[in-house]
N, C-alpha and C. Protein backbone atom coordinates (compact mmCIF):
# COMPACT_ATOMS: atom_id res chain seq x y z
N MET A 1 91.13 22.45 16.83
CA MET A 1 91.15 21.80 15.41
C MET A 1 91.89 20.69 15.49
N LEU A 2 91.34 19.62 14.49
CA LEU A 2 92.43 18.31 14.38
C LEU A 2 93.46 18.94 13.53
N THR A 3 94.56 18.38 13.13
CA THR A 3 95.46 18.41 12.34
C THR A 3 95.90 17.34 11.60
N SER A 4 95.26 16.29 11.71
CA SER A 4 95.21 14.94 10.35
C SER A 4 94.26 14.96 9.22
N LYS A 5 94.82 14.26 8.25
CA LYS A 5 94.15 14.58 6.86
C LYS A 5 92.73 14.21 7.56
N LEU A 6 92.57 13.28 8.34
CA LEU A 6 90.96 12.89 8.52
C LEU A 6 90.53 13.49 9.20
N LEU A 7 89.23 14.47 9.20
CA LEU A 7 88.40 15.32 9.65
C LEU A 7 86.92 14.59 10.03
N ASN A 8 86.12 13.84 9.27
CA ASN A 8 85.10 13.75 9.51
C ASN A 8 84.82 12.83 10.79
N PRO A 9 84.23 13.24 11.75
CA PRO A 9 83.80 12.88 13.00
C PRO A 9 83.04 11.43 12.74
N GLU A 10 82.27 11.14 12.34
CA GLU A 10 81.66 9.86 11.93
C GLU A 10 82.38 8.88 11.32
N ILE A 11 83.66 9.16 10.55
CA ILE A 11 84.77 8.48 10.07
C ILE A 11 85.27 7.82 11.31
N ILE A 12 86.08 8.73 11.73
CA ILE A 12 86.85 8.73 12.87
C ILE A 12 86.54 8.42 14.36
N GLY A 13 85.18 8.37 14.48
CA GLY A 13 84.57 7.39 15.52
C GLY A 13 84.39 5.98 15.38
N THR A 14 83.90 5.98 14.06
CA THR A 14 83.56 4.70 13.49
C THR A 14 85.25 3.65 13.49
N LEU A 15 85.78 4.28 12.77
CA LEU A 15 87.50 3.90 13.04
C LEU A 15 87.98 3.38 14.45
N ALA A 16 87.49 4.31 15.34
CA ALA A 16 87.90 4.03 16.60
C ALA A 16 87.54 2.68 17.04
N SER A 17 85.99 2.58 16.47
CA SER A 17 85.54 1.32 17.05
C SER A 17 85.78 0.12 16.72
N CYS A 18 86.53 -0.13 15.16
CA CYS A 18 86.90 -0.82 14.76
C CYS A 18 87.94 -1.65 15.23
N GLY A 19 88.10 -3.13 15.24
CA GLY A 19 89.11 -4.01 15.31
C GLY A 19 89.83 -4.61 14.38
N HIS A 20 90.87 -5.71 14.80
CA HIS A 20 91.21 -6.19 13.44
C HIS A 20 89.98 -7.31 12.84
N PHE A 21 90.80 -6.94 11.87
CA PHE A 21 89.62 -7.43 10.89
C PHE A 21 88.51 -7.29 10.50
N SER A 22 88.16 -5.90 10.82
CA SER A 22 86.90 -4.77 10.92
C SER A 22 87.36 -4.67 9.17
N ARG A 23 86.07 -4.49 8.83
CA ARG A 23 85.96 -3.82 6.72
C ARG A 23 85.57 -2.78 6.88
N VAL A 24 86.42 -1.98 5.83
CA VAL A 24 85.69 -0.51 5.47
C VAL A 24 85.66 -0.54 3.88
N LEU A 25 84.89 -0.32 3.56
CA LEU A 25 84.07 -0.40 2.03
C LEU A 25 84.15 1.56 1.53
N ILE A 26 85.49 1.58 0.72
CA ILE A 26 85.43 2.83 0.35
C ILE A 26 84.32 2.78 -1.28
N ALA A 27 82.92 3.35 -1.23
CA ALA A 27 82.11 2.90 -2.41
C ALA A 27 82.38 3.97 -3.37
N ASP A 28 82.13 3.62 -5.02
CA ASP A 28 82.28 4.90 -5.99
C ASP A 28 80.80 5.19 -6.02
N GLY A 29 80.76 5.62 -7.00
CA GLY A 29 79.59 6.59 -7.10
C GLY A 29 78.43 5.37 -7.38
N ASN A 30 78.53 4.58 -8.08
CA ASN A 30 77.53 3.74 -8.81
C ASN A 30 76.93 2.14 -7.45
N PHE A 31 78.13 2.29 -6.59
CA PHE A 31 77.75 1.33 -5.56
C PHE A 31 76.47 1.42 -4.95
N PRO A 32 75.26 0.43 -4.97
CA PRO A 32 74.19 0.38 -4.34
C PRO A 32 74.02 0.24 -2.79
N VAL A 33 74.77 1.16 -2.41
CA VAL A 33 74.65 0.99 -0.75
C VAL A 33 73.52 0.31 -0.20
N ALA A 34 72.65 1.11 -0.33
CA ALA A 34 71.30 0.90 0.18
C ALA A 34 70.97 -0.75 0.34
N THR A 35 71.29 -1.07 -0.81
CA THR A 35 70.90 -2.92 -1.09
C THR A 35 71.78 -3.81 -0.78
N MET A 36 72.88 -3.24 -0.85
CA MET A 36 74.31 -4.30 -0.59
C MET A 36 75.00 -4.20 0.66
N SER A 37 74.43 -3.72 1.73
CA SER A 37 74.72 -3.53 2.83
C SER A 37 74.02 -3.82 3.93
N LEU A 38 74.36 -4.28 5.12
CA LEU A 38 73.55 -4.82 6.35
C LEU A 38 72.92 -3.44 7.14
N PRO A 39 71.92 -3.25 7.35
CA PRO A 39 71.07 -2.58 8.55
C PRO A 39 72.01 -1.97 9.68
N THR A 40 73.12 -2.54 10.09
CA THR A 40 73.91 -2.29 11.22
C THR A 40 75.05 -1.67 10.91
N THR A 41 75.43 -1.93 9.14
CA THR A 41 76.53 -1.20 9.01
C THR A 41 76.87 0.59 8.97
N LYS A 42 77.52 1.01 9.78
CA LYS A 42 77.38 2.51 9.66
C LYS A 42 77.92 2.88 8.31
N LYS A 43 76.43 3.47 7.82
CA LYS A 43 77.17 4.51 6.52
C LYS A 43 77.36 5.96 6.47
N VAL A 44 78.49 6.02 5.94
CA VAL A 44 78.85 7.92 5.33
C VAL A 44 78.46 8.20 4.17
N PHE A 45 77.56 9.08 3.82
CA PHE A 45 77.34 9.79 2.53
C PHE A 45 78.49 11.11 2.63
N LEU A 46 79.70 11.08 1.58
CA LEU A 46 80.13 12.00 1.71
C LEU A 46 79.95 12.65 -0.50
N ASN A 47 79.04 11.57 -1.04
CA ASN A 47 78.88 11.84 -2.58
C ASN A 47 78.34 13.11 -2.36
N LEU A 48 79.14 14.31 -2.70
CA LEU A 48 78.76 15.48 -2.86
C LEU A 48 78.31 16.08 -4.15
N MET A 49 79.05 15.40 -4.77
CA MET A 49 78.55 15.79 -6.76
C MET A 49 79.10 14.78 -7.21
N PRO A 50 78.94 14.41 -8.82
CA PRO A 50 79.89 13.78 -9.40
C PRO A 50 81.35 13.94 -9.43
N GLY A 51 82.06 13.12 -9.07
CA GLY A 51 83.61 12.98 -9.17
C GLY A 51 84.15 13.61 -7.51
N VAL A 52 83.29 14.00 -6.94
CA VAL A 52 83.76 14.43 -5.66
C VAL A 52 82.92 13.91 -4.45
N PRO A 53 83.61 13.19 -3.60
CA PRO A 53 85.18 13.38 -3.55
C PRO A 53 85.29 11.86 -4.12
N THR A 54 86.54 11.43 -4.64
CA THR A 54 86.71 10.15 -5.23
C THR A 54 87.20 8.94 -4.22
N VAL A 55 87.29 8.08 -4.45
CA VAL A 55 87.66 6.78 -3.51
C VAL A 55 89.21 7.08 -3.53
N THR A 56 90.06 7.56 -4.18
CA THR A 56 91.52 7.65 -4.23
C THR A 56 91.53 8.80 -2.83
N GLN A 57 91.08 9.85 -2.67
CA GLN A 57 90.68 11.31 -1.94
C GLN A 57 90.61 10.61 -0.75
N VAL A 58 89.34 9.77 -0.54
CA VAL A 58 89.14 9.35 0.90
C VAL A 58 89.92 8.24 1.25
N LEU A 59 90.53 7.21 0.52
CA LEU A 59 91.75 6.16 0.77
C LEU A 59 92.75 7.20 1.27
N GLU A 60 92.98 8.64 0.81
CA GLU A 60 94.42 9.09 1.25
C GLU A 60 94.21 9.51 2.70
N ALA A 61 92.67 10.19 3.25
CA ALA A 61 92.87 10.18 4.85
C ALA A 61 92.71 9.01 5.40
N LEU A 62 91.96 8.13 5.02
CA LEU A 62 92.16 6.52 5.82
C LEU A 62 93.39 6.18 6.32
N VAL A 63 93.96 6.19 5.17
CA VAL A 63 95.36 5.46 5.83
C VAL A 63 96.31 6.52 6.60
N SER A 64 95.93 8.07 6.23
CA SER A 64 96.45 8.58 7.71
C SER A 64 96.56 8.66 9.16
N ALA A 65 95.32 7.48 9.42
CA ALA A 65 94.62 7.63 10.64
C ALA A 65 94.36 5.81 10.94
N ALA A 66 94.15 4.64 9.97
CA ALA A 66 94.23 3.75 10.19
C ALA A 66 95.11 2.67 9.74
N VAL A 67 95.61 1.65 10.39
CA VAL A 67 96.38 0.69 9.70
C VAL A 67 95.31 -0.24 8.74
N PHE A 68 95.64 -0.95 8.00
CA PHE A 68 95.00 -1.59 6.78
C PHE A 68 95.92 -2.64 6.41
N GLN A 69 95.38 -3.86 6.63
CA GLN A 69 96.22 -5.18 6.33
C GLN A 69 95.90 -5.93 4.90
N SER A 70 94.67 -5.20 4.38
CA SER A 70 94.53 -5.92 3.20
C SER A 70 93.58 -5.00 2.21
N ALA A 71 93.70 -5.08 1.35
CA ALA A 71 92.49 -4.54 0.07
C ALA A 71 92.14 -5.57 -1.08
N ALA A 72 90.43 -5.06 -1.09
CA ALA A 72 90.16 -5.88 -2.20
C ALA A 72 89.19 -4.98 -3.13
N VAL A 73 89.44 -5.33 -4.48
CA VAL A 73 88.37 -5.10 -5.35
C VAL A 73 87.55 -5.66 -6.25
N VAL A 74 86.73 -5.19 -7.02
CA VAL A 74 85.84 -5.99 -8.20
C VAL A 74 87.26 -6.35 -9.32
N ALA A 75 87.21 -7.80 -9.84
CA ALA A 75 87.84 -7.99 -10.99
C ALA A 75 87.37 -7.31 -12.01
N PRO A 76 88.14 -6.19 -12.79
CA PRO A 76 87.48 -5.93 -13.95
C PRO A 76 87.73 -6.59 -15.08
N PRO A 77 86.25 -6.45 -16.42
CA PRO A 77 86.56 -7.37 -16.87
C PRO A 77 87.44 -6.91 -18.23
N GLU A 78 87.90 -5.71 -18.34
CA GLU A 78 89.28 -5.45 -18.82
C GLU A 78 90.28 -4.80 -18.62
N ASP A 79 91.65 -4.56 -18.93
CA ASP A 79 92.76 -4.09 -18.04
C ASP A 79 92.48 -2.65 -18.28
N GLN A 80 91.83 -1.80 -18.82
CA GLN A 80 91.45 -0.17 -19.07
C GLN A 80 91.00 0.03 -17.89
N PHE A 81 90.48 -0.49 -16.92
CA PHE A 81 90.14 -0.28 -15.73
C PHE A 81 90.76 -0.57 -14.33
N ARG A 82 91.78 -1.19 -14.54
CA ARG A 82 93.13 -1.29 -13.94
C ARG A 82 93.66 0.13 -13.16
N ALA A 83 94.07 1.09 -14.06
CA ALA A 83 94.65 2.31 -13.32
C ALA A 83 94.31 2.79 -12.32
N VAL A 84 92.68 2.82 -11.90
CA VAL A 84 92.58 3.13 -10.65
C VAL A 84 92.85 2.27 -9.25
N HIS A 85 92.98 1.15 -9.76
CA HIS A 85 93.80 -0.10 -9.05
C HIS A 85 95.04 0.25 -8.42
N ALA A 86 95.64 0.83 -9.54
CA ALA A 86 97.09 1.12 -9.61
C ALA A 86 97.44 2.28 -8.46
N GLU A 87 96.19 3.09 -8.62
CA GLU A 87 96.14 4.16 -7.72
C GLU A 87 96.41 4.12 -6.31
N TYR A 88 95.44 3.39 -6.21
CA TYR A 88 95.46 2.92 -5.06
C TYR A 88 96.82 2.43 -4.48
N ARG A 89 97.14 1.63 -5.09
CA ARG A 89 98.31 0.87 -4.67
C ARG A 89 99.30 1.67 -4.13
N THR A 90 99.34 2.64 -4.64
CA THR A 90 100.89 3.98 -4.72
C THR A 90 100.26 4.48 -3.02
N LEU A 91 98.94 4.63 -2.66
CA LEU A 91 99.07 4.95 -1.18
C LEU A 91 99.00 4.11 -0.15
N LEU A 92 98.77 2.88 -0.51
CA LEU A 92 99.20 1.77 0.14
C LEU A 92 100.12 1.07 0.68
N PRO A 93 100.65 0.73 1.76
CA PRO A 93 101.97 0.01 2.54
C PRO A 93 102.08 -1.14 0.92
N ALA A 94 103.35 -1.25 1.01
CA ALA A 94 103.83 -2.27 -0.35
C ALA A 94 103.47 -3.61 -0.34
N ASP A 95 103.26 -3.94 1.23
CA ASP A 95 103.42 -5.53 1.50
C ASP A 95 101.64 -5.76 2.00
N ILE A 96 101.01 -5.26 1.77
CA ILE A 96 99.67 -5.12 1.91
C ILE A 96 98.68 -6.39 1.17
N GLN A 97 98.21 -7.22 1.55
CA GLN A 97 97.47 -8.12 0.59
C GLN A 97 96.62 -7.49 -0.38
N TRP A 98 96.59 -7.65 -1.53
CA TRP A 98 95.69 -7.32 -2.46
C TRP A 98 95.05 -8.37 -3.49
N GLU A 99 93.74 -8.06 -3.29
CA GLU A 99 93.05 -9.43 -4.40
C GLU A 99 92.22 -8.79 -5.03
N GLU A 100 91.77 -9.29 -6.14
CA GLU A 100 90.81 -9.25 -6.87
C GLU A 100 89.82 -10.22 -7.35
N LYS A 101 88.38 -9.52 -7.10
CA LYS A 101 87.29 -10.81 -6.76
C LYS A 101 86.60 -10.81 -7.47
N GLU A 102 85.72 -11.58 -7.85
CA GLU A 102 84.61 -11.38 -8.50
C GLU A 102 83.42 -10.81 -8.23
N ARG A 103 82.97 -9.85 -8.56
CA ARG A 103 81.70 -9.05 -9.01
C ARG A 103 80.91 -9.65 -7.07
N TRP A 104 80.29 -10.34 -7.24
CA TRP A 104 79.19 -11.38 -6.32
C TRP A 104 79.55 -11.66 -5.03
N ALA A 105 81.41 -12.13 -5.60
CA ALA A 105 81.93 -12.54 -4.03
C ALA A 105 82.30 -10.91 -3.53
N PHE A 106 82.41 -10.07 -4.15
CA PHE A 106 82.97 -9.13 -3.42
C PHE A 106 81.81 -8.41 -2.66
N TYR A 107 80.51 -8.36 -3.10
CA TYR A 107 79.25 -7.82 -2.61
C TYR A 107 79.02 -8.54 -1.69
N GLY A 108 79.74 -9.92 -1.50
CA GLY A 108 79.26 -11.18 -0.25
C GLY A 108 80.16 -10.39 1.09
N ASP A 109 80.99 -10.04 0.42
CA ASP A 109 81.95 -9.44 1.67
C ASP A 109 81.49 -8.50 2.25
N VAL A 110 81.12 -7.53 1.23
CA VAL A 110 80.24 -6.46 1.95
C VAL A 110 79.58 -6.39 2.58
N LYS A 111 78.60 -6.78 2.80
CA LYS A 111 77.45 -7.61 3.36
C LYS A 111 77.79 -8.21 4.21
N SER A 112 78.82 -8.80 4.42
CA SER A 112 79.53 -9.48 6.00
C SER A 112 78.91 -8.68 7.24
N THR A 113 79.04 -9.29 8.04
CA THR A 113 78.94 -8.50 10.03
C THR A 113 79.97 -8.15 9.96
N ASP A 114 81.46 -8.28 9.32
CA ASP A 114 82.40 -7.75 9.54
C ASP A 114 82.48 -6.42 8.68
N THR A 115 81.74 -6.16 7.83
CA THR A 115 81.91 -4.50 7.03
C THR A 115 81.40 -3.57 8.42
N ALA A 116 82.08 -2.81 9.15
CA ALA A 116 81.95 -1.75 10.05
C ALA A 116 81.61 -0.71 9.29
N LEU A 117 81.80 -0.26 8.09
CA LEU A 117 81.63 1.21 7.75
C LEU A 117 81.69 1.25 6.22
N ILE A 118 80.92 1.89 5.59
CA ILE A 118 80.67 2.05 4.11
C ILE A 118 80.73 3.61 3.81
N ILE A 119 81.89 4.23 3.34
CA ILE A 119 81.69 5.47 2.76
C ILE A 119 81.42 5.78 1.52
N ALA A 120 80.45 6.05 1.18
CA ALA A 120 79.64 6.75 -0.23
C ALA A 120 80.49 7.87 -0.71
N THR A 121 81.13 7.77 -1.93
CA THR A 121 81.78 8.74 -2.77
C THR A 121 81.04 9.15 -3.79
N GLY A 122 81.46 10.15 -4.77
CA GLY A 122 81.01 10.61 -5.78
C GLY A 122 81.71 10.42 -6.97
N ASP A 123 82.40 9.03 -7.04
CA ASP A 123 83.68 8.53 -7.94
C ASP A 123 82.78 8.21 -8.86
N THR A 124 83.13 8.73 -10.28
CA THR A 124 82.25 8.29 -11.27
C THR A 124 83.22 6.88 -12.19
N ARG A 125 84.12 6.45 -11.64
CA ARG A 125 85.31 5.75 -12.41
C ARG A 125 84.58 4.31 -12.04
N ARG A 126 84.47 3.37 -13.09
CA ARG A 126 84.47 2.22 -13.23
C ARG A 126 85.20 1.05 -12.37
N PHE A 127 84.83 0.27 -11.68
CA PHE A 127 85.48 -0.59 -10.70
C PHE A 127 86.21 0.09 -9.87
N ALA A 128 85.71 1.44 -8.74
CA ALA A 128 86.74 1.89 -8.18
C ALA A 128 86.21 1.35 -6.86
N ASN A 129 85.37 0.82 -6.36
CA ASN A 129 85.13 0.16 -4.90
C ASN A 129 86.14 -0.29 -4.46
N LEU A 130 86.86 0.03 -3.22
CA LEU A 130 87.78 -0.35 -2.67
C LEU A 130 87.69 -1.18 -1.06
N LEU A 131 87.73 -1.95 -0.78
CA LEU A 131 87.11 -2.64 0.89
C LEU A 131 88.21 -2.77 1.16
N LEU A 132 88.65 -2.03 2.33
CA LEU A 132 89.87 -2.43 3.35
C LEU A 132 89.71 -3.46 4.49
N THR A 133 90.60 -3.94 5.14
CA THR A 133 90.35 -4.77 5.95
C THR A 133 91.46 -4.31 7.24
N VAL A 134 91.12 -3.98 8.49
CA VAL A 134 91.71 -3.09 9.37
C VAL A 134 92.96 -4.39 10.06
N GLY A 135 93.73 -3.85 9.85
CA GLY A 135 94.98 -4.79 10.40
C GLY A 135 95.19 -3.91 11.90
N VAL A 136 96.54 -4.47 12.53
CA VAL A 136 97.09 -4.06 13.78
C VAL A 136 98.08 -3.04 13.66
N VAL A 137 98.31 -2.23 14.87
CA VAL A 137 99.63 -1.37 14.77
C VAL A 137 100.67 -2.32 15.64
N LYS A 138 101.65 -2.34 14.43
CA LYS A 138 103.06 -2.92 15.04
C LYS A 138 104.20 -2.34 15.58
N LYS A 139 104.51 -2.47 16.89
CA LYS A 139 105.53 -1.65 17.82
C LYS A 139 106.33 -2.40 18.21
């Protein structure tokens, strides 16, 4: 039995195959996974029901297992949607590169061959998608 926070075998295996600059999208429940991804991108559907799990819950598990150097979100049109992004920042390293992107630029990044994994969640919050870039282990 694993003792780490991350237990999903598909996610663990895909993360193990990632390298520096590979991307991982934690998608909210509104993200069009089928049409905004490449056929070669691994997709893991954790969306059990509305609100379960949240992007934040998945992020907590991922940061316990991998190193990320940057994070990108869609720039929300109103400040009211930024609370979810602040939540992510509490789980990510303080020195992580943070970027807010225009929606279609964000989607273009997700459809890149660099995106190795998309994890679909049941998160119902707007502008909750989080695109992470794998970093390197510093020793």
